[in-house]
C-alpha cells in the first residue's frame, strides 16, 4: 500500500511516469494529494476540490476537472505543499 492513513474516499487517480508520483483526489477531504511511488514524500497538491472527477498530467501541469464548480483547474505539479 502507498497510503493507509488520512484517506477517506479516493475518487480519481493518475500516475506521472516521468517522476513516479501517484496523484489522487479524496471526495470527503476535498483535496488532491500526491505521493512518490515508494510511498514517501506525501503532499497536498490542491485544496477545496469537492468533486474532482478527473486528473490529467500534461507537461508540468496537473489538470483537475471539478464537477461541483463545473471547472477545470490547473496546478503546477512541481509545487509541493506540506502534508497535513
Protein backbone atom coordinates (compact mmCIF):
# COMPACT_ATOMS: atom_id res chain seq x y z
CA UNK A 1 0.00 0.00 0.00
CA UNK A 2 1.20 3.51 -0.79
CA UNK A 3 -1.19 5.33 1.58
CA UNK A 4 -3.05 3.90 4.57
CA UNK A 5 -3.78 6.93 6.78
CA UNK A 6 -5.73 10.16 6.31
CA UNK A 7 -7.51 8.89 3.22
CA UNK A 8 -11.30 8.58 3.23
CA UNK A 9 -12.79 8.24 -0.25
CA UNK A 10 -10.31 8.34 -3.11
CA UNK A 11 -12.06 9.07 -6.41
CA UNK A 12 -9.65 9.87 -9.23
CA UNK A 13 -6.11 8.65 -9.68
CA UNK A 14 -3.31 9.25 -12.17
CA UNK A 15 0.34 8.31 -12.38
CA UNK A 16 3.18 10.55 -13.51
CA UNK A 17 5.52 8.04 -15.13
CA UNK A 18 8.31 10.63 -15.51
CA UNK A 19 8.56 11.33 -11.77
CA UNK A 20 6.98 8.10 -10.47
CA UNK A 21 4.41 10.08 -8.47
CA UNK A 22 0.82 8.97 -7.86
CA UNK A 23 -1.89 11.65 -7.66
CA UNK A 24 -5.41 11.12 -6.31
CA UNK A 25 -8.43 13.09 -5.18
CA UNK A 26 -10.31 12.47 -1.95
CA UNK A 27 -14.02 13.33 -2.20
CA UNK A 28 -14.53 13.60 1.56
CA UNK A 29 -11.40 15.63 2.35
CA UNK A 30 -11.91 17.87 -0.74
CA UNK A 31 -8.31 17.81 -1.89
CA UNK A 32 -5.83 16.34 -4.32
CA UNK A 33 -2.70 14.67 -2.97
CA UNK A 34 0.41 13.04 -4.36
CA UNK A 35 2.92 10.50 -3.11
CA UNK A 36 6.13 9.08 -4.54
CA UNK A 37 5.94 5.58 -5.98
CA UNK A 38 7.85 4.27 -2.93
CA UNK A 39 5.22 5.71 -0.53
CA UNK A 40 7.38 8.66 0.57
CA UNK A 41 7.00 12.41 0.04
CA UNK A 42 3.22 12.59 0.51
CA UNK A 43 1.93 16.10 -0.11
CA UNK A 44 -1.21 18.11 -0.74
CA UNK A 45 -1.33 19.42 -4.30
CA UNK A 46 -4.63 21.33 -4.23
CA UNK A 47 -7.31 22.11 -1.63
CA UNK A 48 -11.05 22.84 -1.82
CA UNK A 49 -11.76 20.44 -4.67
CA UNK A 50 -15.10 18.90 -3.59
CA UNK A 51 -15.85 16.81 -6.68
CA UNK A 52 -12.59 16.15 -8.52
CA UNK A 53 -13.69 13.59 -11.09
CA UNK A 54 -10.69 13.52 -13.38
CA UNK A 55 -6.94 14.15 -13.12
CA UNK A 56 -4.63 14.64 -16.09
CA UNK A 57 -0.91 15.43 -16.27
CA UNK A 58 0.33 17.49 -19.22
CA UNK A 59 3.94 18.72 -19.21
CA UNK A 60 4.50 20.37 -15.80
CA UNK A 61 0.83 20.86 -15.01
CA UNK A 62 -1.85 18.80 -13.31
CA UNK A 63 -5.37 19.46 -14.58
CA UNK A 64 -8.28 18.75 -12.23
CA UNK A 65 -11.82 18.50 -13.55
CA UNK A 66 -14.18 19.59 -10.77
CA UNK A 67 -17.85 18.66 -11.11
CA UNK A 68 -19.02 20.82 -8.16
CA UNK A 69 -17.82 24.06 -9.77
CA UNK A 70 -18.10 22.92 -13.42
CA UNK A 71 -14.50 23.86 -13.94
CA UNK A 72 -11.05 22.63 -14.82
CA UNK A 73 -8.23 23.79 -12.56
CA UNK A 74 -4.57 23.82 -13.44
CA UNK A 75 -1.88 23.22 -10.82
CA UNK A 76 1.84 23.34 -11.39
CA UNK A 77 2.72 19.82 -10.29
CA UNK A 78 6.24 20.69 -9.19
CA UNK A 79 4.83 22.92 -6.43
CA UNK A 80 4.82 20.94 -3.19
CA UNK A 81 2.71 21.71 -0.12
CA UNK A 82 3.41 20.02 3.22
CA UNK A 83 1.03 17.20 4.12
CA UNK A 84 -1.38 17.87 6.99
